[in-house]
Every structure is written in structure tokens, then in C-alpha cells.
Amino acid sequence: MEGSLQFIGNATVLIRYAGLTLLTDPNFLRRGQRAYMGLGLSSPRLRDPAVRIEDLPVVDAVILSHLHGAHWDRVTRRRLDRDTPVITTTSAAGSLRRQGFRHSVGLREWQQHELRGPTGSVTVTALPARHAPRLANALLPPVIGTMLEFCGPEGRVELRVLVSGDTVLDRHLDAIPRRFPDIDVALMHLGGTKLLGSLFVTMDGRQGAAWVSLMNPRSVVPIHYDDYTVFHSPLDEFRHHIKMAGLADRVVYLERGETCELAPHRLLQR
């Protein structure tokens, strides 16, 4: 079985496999529009998404790392079909149900939710993520990473896709590769996002390379790195550190709108 992965912009990716279509962290603001970051902060978008929300195929579910203006924006809130299931944190699911997205599912760390499609299924597992170091984490919305385990019609896992979510490198993440030692594809949120001038809330290039070494996936797609003014770590910084780590051959760099092939246990092919 084969599928595809399309990078739309920021942390928004369209994943198709096993007859299912999943959308991650939907952000469809246009260039110049402001995303509201919480704590009274906002940031203008610098790059247009490659796809308008009106042009999406039918989406079976949204995978949402956390409820935040650059991951779930007002365009999504107004125009996404409200019958679409949204799999996210428990606090975000409660807020989304109040917005009318009544099929929202909240997961705590390591909890799972299964979706069935015409030719297979996907099991979504909520993974540890830390949006900021130590006590500062409590000031920000709860966040999860996710593992997507796609099964074919016979019920065997064919493909594992890891979505980091917005996180910094933290000892709690060590449990992920222990539970999932065989990861096919990792979608990694980079950017070195800074709030309040100095508080890092996503991985910069150095942390991103260390994260890849820790998770040890077959293929890596960096996302979430140049869409907003709060991003302070350019993609070239990650390119440098991943090359120094000897892992550059695992990375697939996608332009907005570009699609690559998903296939079981193989390196990504554009």
C-alpha cells in the first residue's frame, strides 16, 4: 500500500494512507494576517499556505498538537466542517466542542484513538511534549506529540508516522523511542520559536538534530520554521547541525505544496 504526504505550510500537512486523509495543525491564515499566540502576543504570517482550506479534499480527521492561533486559526474555526473529528489534548477538545466541533477527542499522554477507513485504519497515540522548559511550561497551552500507526486490511501496522508537536527537547521525550523503536517518518516542528524575547517554545536547529538522533526515524520532514516573525532559528541552522550529526541523508525538505510518497518501511520519495 502507498500513500502521500503534502506540506501546506507552518505545521499543516495532509497525510493520505489506508484510505484515510488526515490534516495536521490547520493554519490557513494568509500572509500579513496575525496569529494570536496567547499572553497578549500576536505575530504576522510571512508566507502564504500552499492550499486554501476550501480546496482541501474531504478530511477524515484533524490531528491537533495544541490549541493555538498558528495551529488552529480563525479561518479553520469558521470554514472546517464541524463534523470533522479533531484529535488533540483534553483541554483543547473541551474548547473545540464548545465551538461546535462535537466530535473532538481529547487524549492524555499514551492514550489512543482508532479511526477506520475503507482499506485500513490508523491508531493515534498521544505522546509526551513540552512546550517550554520547567515552570514556564505551565503558562502555555498543553501540547501533545502524536504517533500515527497505519494498518492495512489485515490489521498489521504498515507505517508509523511521528508528529513531534510544538516541543523543546526534554527528558520526558526519551520514552517515545523506547515505546516506538521503529519509526518510518517523523514530522518535526522546528523554528526556535521565542516568546517574551527569550523563552524558547519549539526546537531550534541544534535541538532538532538531537531530536532526530534520539527518535531515529528512517525519514524526517522538517516543518514549522519560517512562517511567523516569532521563529528565530532558520532552516539552514538545522541543515548545519543535522549534517554535523551525520544524519543529513534521512532528511527530505519539502517546499510548500510539494508532495512525497509514503510507503511502508522505505525512505521518503519526492
Protein backbone atom coordinates (compact mmCIF):
# COMPACT_ATOMS: atom_id res chain seq x y z
CA MET A 1 0.00 0.00 0.00
CA GLU A 2 1.18 3.53 -0.76
CA GLY A 3 0.08 6.99 0.25
CA SER A 4 1.29 10.57 0.22
CA LEU A 5 2.33 13.47 2.41
CA GLN A 6 1.83 17.09 1.31
CA PHE A 7 3.39 20.06 3.12
CA ILE A 8 0.96 23.01 3.10
CA GLY A 9 2.82 25.42 5.38
CA ASN A 10 3.72 26.05 9.03
CA ALA A 11 2.77 22.77 10.80
CA THR A 12 -0.04 21.94 8.35
CA VAL A 13 0.44 18.67 6.48
CA LEU A 14 -2.00 16.49 4.55
CA ILE A 15 -1.40 12.76 5.06
CA ARG A 16 -3.14 10.12 2.94
CA TYR A 17 -2.80 6.42 3.67
CA ALA A 18 -5.01 3.34 4.09
CA GLY A 19 -7.92 5.18 2.51
CA LEU A 20 -7.77 7.87 5.20
CA THR A 21 -6.96 11.57 4.85
CA LEU A 22 -5.58 13.35 7.92
CA LEU A 23 -4.75 17.03 8.35
CA THR A 24 -2.28 18.24 10.98
CA ASP A 25 -2.42 21.58 12.83
CA PRO A 26 -4.60 23.50 10.34
CA ASN A 27 -3.34 27.04 9.75
CA PHE A 28 -4.80 28.83 6.72
CA LEU A 29 -4.18 32.48 7.53
CA ARG A 30 -2.73 34.41 4.60
CA ARG A 31 0.46 36.46 4.54
CA GLY A 32 0.11 39.58 6.68
CA GLN A 33 -2.71 38.23 8.83
CA ARG A 34 -1.89 37.91 12.52
CA ALA A 35 -1.96 34.74 14.58
CA TYR A 36 -2.74 35.21 18.26
CA MET A 37 -0.17 33.46 20.44
CA GLY A 38 -1.63 33.91 23.92
CA LEU A 39 -0.16 36.00 26.74
CA GLY A 40 -1.41 39.04 24.79
CA LEU A 41 1.03 38.34 21.93
CA SER A 42 0.45 38.06 18.19
CA SER A 43 2.62 37.54 15.12
CA PRO A 44 2.01 38.29 11.42
CA ARG A 45 2.26 35.44 8.96
CA LEU A 46 5.14 35.78 6.49
CA ARG A 47 4.29 33.08 3.91
CA ASP A 48 1.03 32.04 2.31
CA PRO A 49 -0.10 28.43 2.76
CA ALA A 50 0.08 26.40 -0.44
CA VAL A 51 -3.57 25.34 -0.29
CA ARG A 52 -6.74 27.17 0.70
CA ILE A 53 -8.99 25.39 3.15
CA GLU A 54 -11.76 25.41 0.52
CA ASP A 55 -9.55 23.37 -1.82
CA LEU A 56 -8.83 20.53 0.61
CA PRO A 57 -10.15 17.04 -0.10
CA VAL A 58 -12.59 15.54 2.40
CA VAL A 59 -10.67 15.24 5.68
CA ASP A 60 -11.36 12.20 7.89
CA ALA A 61 -9.74 13.76 10.98
CA VAL A 62 -7.56 16.61 12.18
CA ILE A 63 -4.51 15.89 14.34
CA LEU A 64 -4.03 18.97 16.52
CA SER A 65 -0.98 19.27 18.77
CA HIS A 66 -2.49 22.11 20.81
CA LEU A 67 -4.98 24.94 20.67
CA HIS A 68 -3.02 27.94 19.46
CA GLY A 69 -3.56 30.66 16.85
CA ALA A 70 -0.86 29.37 14.50
CA HIS A 71 -2.12 25.78 14.67
CA TRP A 72 -5.90 26.25 14.82
CA ASP A 73 -6.79 29.64 13.43
CA ARG A 74 -9.97 31.61 12.86
CA VAL A 75 -10.14 30.51 9.19
CA THR A 76 -10.21 26.88 10.31
CA ARG A 77 -12.73 27.59 13.04
CA ARG A 78 -15.12 29.23 10.57
CA ARG A 79 -14.72 27.03 7.50
CA LEU A 80 -13.79 23.50 8.55
CA ASP A 81 -16.71 21.08 8.52
CA ARG A 82 -17.82 20.87 12.15
CA ASP A 83 -18.48 17.15 11.84
CA THR A 84 -14.74 16.56 11.32
CA PRO A 85 -13.20 14.69 14.27
CA VAL A 86 -10.32 16.60 15.91
CA ILE A 87 -7.85 14.52 17.93
CA THR A 88 -5.98 16.71 20.38
CA THR A 89 -5.30 17.41 24.06
CA THR A 90 -8.08 17.01 26.61
CA SER A 91 -8.25 20.76 27.30
CA ALA A 92 -8.31 21.65 23.59
CA ALA A 93 -11.02 19.06 22.90
CA GLY A 94 -13.26 20.65 25.52
CA SER A 95 -12.80 24.10 23.99
CA LEU A 96 -13.44 22.78 20.48
CA ARG A 97 -16.64 21.02 21.50
CA ARG A 98 -17.85 24.36 22.84
CA GLN A 99 -17.04 25.86 19.41
CA GLY A 100 -19.32 23.26 17.80
CA PHE A 101 -16.73 20.62 16.85
CA ARG A 102 -18.66 18.00 18.78
CA HIS A 103 -16.60 15.02 17.58
CA SER A 104 -13.36 16.33 19.14
CA VAL A 105 -11.42 13.67 21.02
CA GLY A 106 -9.10 14.59 23.90
CA LEU A 107 -6.15 12.30 24.66
CA ARG A 108 -3.78 12.24 27.60
CA GLU A 109 -0.21 11.01 27.18
CA TRP A 110 -0.12 7.43 25.82
CA GLN A 111 -3.89 7.27 25.31
CA GLN A 112 -5.03 6.02 21.91
CA HIS A 113 -7.85 6.55 19.47
CA GLU A 114 -8.56 4.46 16.35
CA LEU A 115 -10.00 5.64 13.05
CA ARG A 116 -11.15 3.17 10.41
CA GLY A 117 -11.06 3.74 6.67
CA PRO A 118 -12.11 1.80 3.58
CA THR A 119 -8.80 -0.04 3.20
CA GLY A 120 -7.32 0.08 6.70
CA SER A 121 -7.12 2.03 9.92
CA VAL A 122 -4.92 4.37 11.93
CA THR A 123 -4.27 4.31 15.66
CA VAL A 124 -3.38 7.73 17.07
CA THR A 125 -1.29 7.69 20.27
CA ALA A 126 -0.72 10.88 22.27
CA LEU A 127 2.97 11.37 23.04
CA PRO A 128 4.88 13.47 25.57
CA ALA A 129 5.73 17.03 24.51
CA ARG A 130 6.91 20.05 26.48
CA HIS A 131 6.16 23.50 25.10
CA ALA A 132 8.72 25.23 27.31
CA PRO A 133 11.32 24.38 29.94
CA ARG A 134 10.37 23.79 33.57
CA LEU A 135 7.84 26.16 35.19
CA ALA A 136 7.31 28.22 32.03
CA ASN A 137 5.51 25.22 30.51
CA ALA A 138 2.55 25.89 32.82
CA LEU A 139 2.00 29.31 31.18
CA LEU A 140 1.34 27.79 27.74
CA PRO A 141 -1.41 25.56 26.32
CA PRO A 142 -0.95 21.81 26.93
CA VAL A 143 0.59 20.10 23.90
CA ILE A 144 0.99 16.55 22.65
CA GLY A 145 3.01 14.84 20.00
CA THR A 146 1.32 12.01 18.12
CA MET A 147 2.20 8.62 16.69
CA LEU A 148 0.11 7.56 13.70
CA GLU A 149 0.18 3.80 13.16
CA PHE A 150 -1.46 2.89 9.87
CA CYS A 151 -2.69 -0.67 9.40
CA GLY A 152 -3.71 -2.41 6.20
CA PRO A 153 -6.82 -4.56 5.75
CA GLU A 154 -5.20 -7.45 7.60
CA GLY A 155 -4.70 -5.33 10.73
CA ARG A 156 -0.89 -5.28 10.74
CA VAL A 157 0.96 -2.00 11.24
CA GLU A 158 2.41 -0.96 7.89
CA LEU A 159 3.56 2.61 8.54
CA ARG A 160 4.42 4.69 11.60
CA VAL A 161 4.41 8.48 11.29
CA LEU A 162 5.58 10.55 14.27
CA VAL A 163 4.44 14.17 14.61
CA SER A 164 6.56 15.99 17.19
CA GLY A 165 4.08 18.73 18.04
CA ASP A 166 5.45 22.01 19.40
CA THR A 167 8.06 20.89 21.90
CA VAL A 168 11.52 21.60 23.18
CA LEU A 169 13.99 18.80 23.82
CA ASP A 170 13.16 17.36 27.23
CA ARG A 171 13.92 14.16 29.16
CA HIS A 172 10.22 13.20 29.01
CA LEU A 173 10.65 12.61 25.27
CA ASP A 174 13.10 9.75 25.93
CA ALA A 175 10.16 7.37 26.42
CA ILE A 176 8.97 7.78 22.82
CA PRO A 177 11.68 5.73 21.05
CA ARG A 178 11.55 3.14 23.84
CA ARG A 179 7.87 2.53 23.08
CA PHE A 180 8.21 3.02 19.32
CA PRO A 181 11.69 1.89 18.24
CA ASP A 182 10.66 1.50 14.57
CA ILE A 183 9.55 4.88 13.15
CA ASP A 184 9.19 5.32 9.41
CA VAL A 185 8.61 9.07 9.07
CA ALA A 186 8.97 11.96 11.52
CA LEU A 187 7.38 15.37 11.04
CA MET A 188 9.44 17.72 13.14
CA HIS A 189 8.31 21.16 14.37
CA LEU A 190 11.33 23.46 14.28
CA GLY A 191 11.61 27.26 14.20
CA GLY A 192 13.21 28.08 17.52
CA THR A 193 10.02 29.95 18.39
CA LYS A 194 10.62 32.64 21.02
CA LEU A 195 8.04 34.31 23.21
CA LEU A 196 8.64 37.27 25.51
CA GLY A 197 12.04 37.83 23.89
CA SER A 198 13.92 34.83 25.26
CA LEU A 199 11.58 31.91 26.02
CA PHE A 200 12.09 29.08 23.51
CA VAL A 201 8.89 27.08 22.93
CA THR A 202 9.91 24.96 19.92
CA MET A 203 13.16 23.29 18.89
CA ASP A 204 15.90 25.24 17.16
CA GLY A 205 18.29 23.65 14.66
CA ARG A 206 20.62 22.19 17.29
CA GLN A 207 17.79 20.65 19.31
CA GLY A 208 16.16 19.39 16.11
CA ALA A 209 19.26 17.43 15.14
CA ALA A 210 19.45 15.96 18.64
CA TRP A 211 15.75 15.04 18.44
CA VAL A 212 16.32 13.17 15.16
CA SER A 213 19.21 11.28 16.74
CA LEU A 214 17.00 10.35 19.71
CA MET A 215 13.92 9.27 17.71
CA ASN A 216 15.97 7.54 14.99
CA PRO A 217 13.34 7.59 12.20
CA ARG A 218 14.03 6.35 8.68
CA SER A 219 12.99 9.69 7.19
CA VAL A 220 12.48 13.20 8.55
CA VAL A 221 10.48 16.13 7.18
CA PRO A 222 11.18 19.48 8.90
CA ILE A 223 8.15 21.78 9.15
CA HIS A 224 7.13 24.84 11.19
CA TYR A 225 10.20 27.03 10.67
CA ASP A 226 9.71 30.28 8.73
CA ASP A 227 6.04 31.24 8.67
CA TYR A 228 5.94 33.75 11.53
CA THR A 229 8.10 36.52 12.94
CA VAL A 230 8.42 34.66 16.27
CA PHE A 231 10.55 31.99 14.55
CA HIS A 232 14.22 32.70 15.27
CA SER A 233 16.00 29.57 14.02
CA PRO A 234 16.20 29.39 10.20
CA LEU A 235 16.14 26.08 8.37
CA ASP A 236 19.82 26.47 7.44
CA GLU A 237 20.71 26.17 11.13
CA PHE A 238 19.06 22.74 11.19
CA ARG A 239 20.80 21.79 7.92
CA HIS A 240 24.14 22.57 9.55
CA HIS A 241 23.51 20.61 12.74
CA ILE A 242 21.95 17.58 11.03
CA LYS A 243 24.95 17.40 8.69
CA MET A 244 27.34 17.57 11.67
CA ALA A 245 25.35 14.71 13.27
CA GLY A 246 25.82 12.56 10.17
CA LEU A 247 22.07 12.25 9.59
CA ALA A 248 21.55 14.52 6.58
CA ASP A 249 20.69 11.57 4.29
CA ARG A 250 17.47 10.97 6.25
CA VAL A 251 16.02 14.45 5.72
CA VAL A 252 13.51 15.29 2.99
CA TYR A 253 12.99 19.04 2.51
CA LEU A 254 9.59 19.84 1.02
CA GLU A 255 8.58 23.16 -0.46
CA ARG A 256 5.06 24.38 0.28
CA GLY A 257 2.62 22.45 -1.86
CA GLU A 258 5.13 19.70 -2.60
CA THR A 259 4.12 16.06 -2.09
CA CYS A 260 6.17 12.98 -1.35
CA GLU A 261 5.26 9.31 -1.45
CA LEU A 262 4.54 7.31 1.70
CA ALA A 263 5.29 3.60 1.59
CA PRO A 264 5.91 1.00 4.31
CA HIS A 265 9.44 0.86 5.71
CA ARG A 266 11.03 2.86 2.90
CA LEU A 267 12.75 6.20 2.73
CA LEU A 268 10.52 9.02 1.55
CA GLN A 269 10.45 9.65 -2.20
CA ARG A 270 9.51 13.03 -3.66
